[in-house]
């Protein structure tokens, strides 16, 4: 996926999360941040999502290298 398109999606999620932060939205933004190389931002989002809903990340797989 094109990095520019991903960044537009991240910006849309930023606005949505500011209004209504949910674990699912944070997980999605974290996934997108990983795709563009923002490992610190991705880790922060995924940690916050896990605190909100520990079961949400159960199906997540892959290596995280920050």
C-alpha atoms as a PDB file:
ATOM      1  CA  UNK A   1       0.000   0.000   0.000  1.00  0.00           C
ATOM      2  CA  UNK A   2       1.204   3.497  -0.816  1.00  0.00           C
ATOM      3  CA  UNK A   3       2.732   5.313   2.175  1.00  0.00           C
ATOM      4  CA  UNK A   4       0.811   8.495   1.334  1.00  0.00           C
ATOM      5  CA  UNK A   5      -2.516   6.659   1.441  1.00  0.00           C
ATOM      6  CA  UNK A   6      -1.572   5.059   4.763  1.00  0.00           C
ATOM      7  CA  UNK A   7      -0.700   8.466   6.218  1.00  0.00           C
ATOM      8  CA  UNK A   8      -4.110   9.814   5.152  1.00  0.00           C
ATOM      9  CA  UNK A   9      -5.748   6.857   6.896  1.00  0.00           C
ATOM     10  CA  UNK A  10      -3.673   7.497  10.030  1.00  0.00           C
ATOM     11  CA  UNK A  11      -4.787  11.143  10.037  1.00  0.00           C
ATOM     12  CA  UNK A  12      -8.428  10.071   9.778  1.00  0.00           C
ATOM     13  CA  UNK A  13      -7.923   7.670  12.677  1.00  0.00           C
ATOM     14  CA  UNK A  14      -6.242  10.428  14.698  1.00  0.00           C
ATOM     15  CA  UNK A  15      -9.444  12.483  14.458  1.00  0.00           C
ATOM     16  CA  UNK A  16     -11.692   9.535  15.254  1.00  0.00           C
ATOM     17  CA  UNK A  17      -9.572   8.471  18.235  1.00  0.00           C
ATOM     18  CA  UNK A  18      -9.582  12.030  19.583  1.00  0.00           C
ATOM     19  CA  UNK A  19     -13.401  11.910  19.624  1.00  0.00           C
ATOM     20  CA  UNK A  20     -13.954   8.279  20.587  1.00  0.00           C
ATOM     21  CA  UNK A  21     -10.880   6.254  21.555  1.00  0.00           C
ATOM     22  CA  UNK A  22     -11.535   2.530  21.262  1.00  0.00           C
ATOM     23  CA  UNK A  23      -9.200  -0.426  21.420  1.00  0.00           C
ATOM     24  CA  UNK A  24     -10.106  -1.416  17.855  1.00  0.00           C
ATOM     25  CA  UNK A  25      -9.258   2.030  16.459  1.00  0.00           C
ATOM     26  CA  UNK A  26      -5.960   2.101  18.354  1.00  0.00           C
ATOM     27  CA  UNK A  27      -5.091  -1.374  17.098  1.00  0.00           C
ATOM     28  CA  UNK A  28      -5.765  -0.327  13.503  1.00  0.00           C
ATOM     29  CA  UNK A  29      -3.738   2.877  13.824  1.00  0.00           C
ATOM     30  CA  UNK A  30      -0.918   0.879  15.393  1.00  0.00           C
ATOM     31  CA  UNK A  31      -0.977  -1.552  12.466  1.00  0.00           C
ATOM     32  CA  UNK A  32      -0.841   1.299   9.980  1.00  0.00           C
ATOM     33  CA  UNK A  33       1.949   3.034  11.878  1.00  0.00           C
ATOM     34  CA  UNK A  34       4.006  -0.156  11.669  1.00  0.00           C
ATOM     35  CA  UNK A  35       3.487  -0.175   7.902  1.00  0.00           C
ATOM     36  CA  UNK A  36       5.027   3.301   7.575  1.00  0.00           C
ATOM     37  CA  UNK A  37       7.883   2.586   9.970  1.00  0.00           C
ATOM     38  CA  UNK A  38       6.597   4.494  13.021  1.00  0.00           C
ATOM     39  CA  UNK A  39       7.516   1.734  15.462  1.00  0.00           C
ATOM     40  CA  UNK A  40       7.329   3.888  18.594  1.00  0.00           C
ATOM     41  CA  UNK A  41       3.865   5.175  17.679  1.00  0.00           C
ATOM     42  CA  UNK A  42       2.709   1.680  16.802  1.00  0.00           C
ATOM     43  CA  UNK A  43       3.945   0.278  20.105  1.00  0.00           C
ATOM     44  CA  UNK A  44       2.207   3.050  22.049  1.00  0.00           C
ATOM     45  CA  UNK A  45      -1.093   2.425  20.221  1.00  0.00           C
ATOM     46  CA  UNK A  46      -0.930  -1.337  20.651  1.00  0.00           C
ATOM     47  CA  UNK A  47      -0.063  -1.059  24.340  1.00  0.00           C
ATOM     48  CA  UNK A  48      -2.987   1.303  24.918  1.00  0.00           C
ATOM     49  CA  UNK A  49      -5.316  -0.987  22.947  1.00  0.00           C
ATOM     50  CA  UNK A  50      -4.158  -3.966  25.042  1.00  0.00           C
ATOM     51  CA  UNK A  51      -4.857  -2.058  28.267  1.00  0.00           C
ATOM     52  CA  UNK A  52      -8.375  -1.259  27.048  1.00  0.00           C
ATOM     53  CA  UNK A  53      -9.144  -4.752  25.735  1.00  0.00           C
ATOM     54  CA  UNK A  54      -6.506  -7.445  26.417  1.00  0.00           C
ATOM     55  CA  UNK A  55      -8.320  -9.988  24.202  1.00  0.00           C
ATOM     56  CA  UNK A  56      -8.192  -7.701  21.155  1.00  0.00           C
ATOM     57  CA  UNK A  57      -4.547  -8.496  20.414  1.00  0.00           C
ATOM     58  CA  UNK A  58      -4.942 -12.263  20.821  1.00  0.00           C
ATOM     59  CA  UNK A  59      -4.912 -12.877  17.056  1.00  0.00           C
ATOM     60  CA  UNK A  60      -2.086 -10.473  16.313  1.00  0.00           C
ATOM     61  CA  UNK A  61       1.062 -12.120  15.042  1.00  0.00           C
ATOM     62  CA  UNK A  62       4.412 -11.101  13.685  1.00  0.00           C
ATOM     63  CA  UNK A  63       7.694  -9.720  14.916  1.00  0.00           C
ATOM     64  CA  UNK A  64       7.942  -6.281  16.468  1.00  0.00           C
ATOM     65  CA  UNK A  65      11.321  -4.639  16.148  1.00  0.00           C
ATOM     66  CA  UNK A  66      11.452  -1.139  17.584  1.00  0.00           C
END
